[in-house]
C-alpha atoms as a PDB file:
ATOM      1  CA  UNK A   1     160.407 124.251  26.136  1.00  0.00           C
ATOM      2  CA  UNK A   2     162.712 121.801  25.621  1.00  0.00           C
ATOM      3  CA  UNK A   3     165.077 121.844  22.502  1.00  0.00           C
ATOM      4  CA  UNK A   4     163.261 118.460  20.891  1.00  0.00           C
ATOM      5  CA  UNK A   5     161.539 118.779  17.382  1.00  0.00           C
ATOM      6  CA  UNK A   6     158.936 116.481  16.365  1.00  0.00           C
ATOM      7  CA  UNK A   7     159.789 114.150  13.566  1.00  0.00           C
ATOM      8  CA  UNK A   8     157.889 114.555  10.545  1.00  0.00           C
ATOM      9  CA  UNK A   9     155.445 111.938   9.256  1.00  0.00           C
ATOM     10  CA  UNK A  10     156.713 109.930   6.108  1.00  0.00           C
ATOM     11  CA  UNK A  11     155.233 110.428   2.742  1.00  0.00           C
ATOM     12  CA  UNK A  12     152.257 108.770   2.152  1.00  0.00           C
ATOM     13  CA  UNK A  13     152.211 105.444   0.082  1.00  0.00           C
ATOM     14  CA  UNK A  14     151.270 105.213  -3.376  1.00  0.00           C
ATOM     15  CA  UNK A  15     148.471 103.193  -2.937  1.00  0.00           C
ATOM     16  CA  UNK A  16     146.412 106.492  -1.627  1.00  0.00           C
ATOM     17  CA  UNK A  17     146.998 108.274  -5.039  1.00  0.00           C
ATOM     18  CA  UNK A  18     143.608 108.423  -7.190  1.00  0.00           C
ATOM     19  CA  UNK A  19     144.366 109.561 -10.766  1.00  0.00           C
ATOM     20  CA  UNK A  20     142.926 113.454 -11.719  1.00  0.00           C
ATOM     21  CA  UNK A  21     143.405 114.928  -7.993  1.00  0.00           C
ATOM     22  CA  UNK A  22     146.959 115.412  -8.040  1.00  0.00           C
ATOM     23  CA  UNK A  23     147.680 118.615 -10.066  1.00  0.00           C
ATOM     24  CA  UNK A  24     145.229 121.656 -11.084  1.00  0.00           C
ATOM     25  CA  UNK A  25     145.951 122.386 -14.720  1.00  0.00           C
ATOM     26  CA  UNK A  26     142.876 124.659 -15.406  1.00  0.00           C
ATOM     27  CA  UNK A  27     145.026 127.953 -16.078  1.00  0.00           C
ATOM     28  CA  UNK A  28     145.757 128.756 -19.772  1.00  0.00           C
ATOM     29  CA  UNK A  29     149.489 128.415 -19.068  1.00  0.00           C
ATOM     30  CA  UNK A  30     148.905 124.679 -19.361  1.00  0.00           C
ATOM     31  CA  UNK A  31     148.017 124.954 -22.960  1.00  0.00           C
ATOM     32  CA  UNK A  32     150.445 125.435 -26.073  1.00  0.00           C
ATOM     33  CA  UNK A  33     148.638 126.966 -28.610  1.00  0.00           C
ATOM     34  CA  UNK A  34     151.513 125.921 -31.311  1.00  0.00           C
ATOM     35  CA  UNK A  35     150.281 122.448 -31.547  1.00  0.00           C
ATOM     36  CA  UNK A  36     150.762 118.966 -30.406  1.00  0.00           C
ATOM     37  CA  UNK A  37     154.238 117.703 -29.488  1.00  0.00           C
ATOM     38  CA  UNK A  38     155.343 114.507 -28.073  1.00  0.00           C
ATOM     39  CA  UNK A  39     154.672 114.028 -23.917  1.00  0.00           C
ATOM     40  CA  UNK A  40     157.889 113.589 -22.501  1.00  0.00           C
ATOM     41  CA  UNK A  41     156.532 110.710 -20.321  1.00  0.00           C
ATOM     42  CA  UNK A  42     154.700 108.136 -23.065  1.00  0.00           C
ATOM     43  CA  UNK A  43     155.650 109.792 -26.287  1.00  0.00           C
ATOM     44  CA  UNK A  44     152.335 110.664 -27.390  1.00  0.00           C
ATOM     45  CA  UNK A  45     151.232 113.889 -28.849  1.00  0.00           C
ATOM     46  CA  UNK A  46     149.725 116.590 -26.454  1.00  0.00           C
ATOM     47  CA  UNK A  47     149.202 120.217 -26.244  1.00  0.00           C
ATOM     48  CA  UNK A  48     149.550 120.100 -22.542  1.00  0.00           C
ATOM     49  CA  UNK A  49     152.488 121.632 -20.620  1.00  0.00           C
ATOM     50  CA  UNK A  50     153.817 120.807 -17.238  1.00  0.00           C
ATOM     51  CA  UNK A  51     154.871 123.769 -15.008  1.00  0.00           C
ATOM     52  CA  UNK A  52     158.300 123.189 -16.652  1.00  0.00           C
ATOM     53  CA  UNK A  53     156.807 124.305 -19.894  1.00  0.00           C
ATOM     54  CA  UNK A  54     157.685 120.575 -21.285  1.00  0.00           C
ATOM     55  CA  UNK A  55     154.705 118.987 -23.015  1.00  0.00           C
ATOM     56  CA  UNK A  56     152.904 116.424 -20.845  1.00  0.00           C
ATOM     57  CA  UNK A  57     149.704 114.464 -20.451  1.00  0.00           C
ATOM     58  CA  UNK A  58     148.144 115.372 -16.843  1.00  0.00           C
ATOM     59  CA  UNK A  59     147.730 111.788 -16.044  1.00  0.00           C
ATOM     60  CA  UNK A  60     151.477 110.977 -17.245  1.00  0.00           C
ATOM     61  CA  UNK A  61     152.825 113.793 -15.101  1.00  0.00           C
ATOM     62  CA  UNK A  62     150.721 112.805 -12.208  1.00  0.00           C
ATOM     63  CA  UNK A  63     151.605 109.161 -12.554  1.00  0.00           C
ATOM     64  CA  UNK A  64     155.463 110.306 -12.433  1.00  0.00           C
ATOM     65  CA  UNK A  65     155.195 112.084  -9.232  1.00  0.00           C
ATOM     66  CA  UNK A  66     153.326 109.474  -7.455  1.00  0.00           C
ATOM     67  CA  UNK A  67     155.923 107.267  -8.588  1.00  0.00           C
ATOM     68  CA  UNK A  68     158.780 109.706  -7.346  1.00  0.00           C
ATOM     69  CA  UNK A  69     156.587 110.035  -3.938  1.00  0.00           C
ATOM     70  CA  UNK A  70     156.779 106.169  -3.717  1.00  0.00           C
ATOM     71  CA  UNK A  71     160.739 105.988  -4.298  1.00  0.00           C
ATOM     72  CA  UNK A  72     161.055 108.877  -1.574  1.00  0.00           C
ATOM     73  CA  UNK A  73     159.180 106.825   0.860  1.00  0.00           C
ATOM     74  CA  UNK A  74     161.071 103.555   0.142  1.00  0.00           C
ATOM     75  CA  UNK A  75     164.235 105.717   0.599  1.00  0.00           C
ATOM     76  CA  UNK A  76     162.994 106.810   3.833  1.00  0.00           C
ATOM     77  CA  UNK A  77     162.221 103.680   5.055  1.00  0.00           C
ATOM     78  CA  UNK A  78     165.531 101.931   3.935  1.00  0.00           C
ATOM     79  CA  UNK A  79     167.636 104.635   5.843  1.00  0.00           C
ATOM     80  CA  UNK A  80     166.355 103.691   9.010  1.00  0.00           C
ATOM     81  CA  UNK A  81     163.298 105.945   9.262  1.00  0.00           C
ATOM     82  CA  UNK A  82     160.030 104.599  10.482  1.00  0.00           C
END
């Protein structure tokens, strides 16, 4: 066996993202029973919590993750990786 490693595939582009299918927030740990607070992304009130216990709408959190993935893919391609 040779010492060569297979190159990982680049991240998938943002075009394949479909809202509502990225995160699973069915657990009660994603609900704040104390009342609504502003979303960390859009500022509108929500009782939903992300995994860091910050108030965030599920759609807002998914959009932020999709944007981060797209930025990572762009950085990957700009650094000469194809």
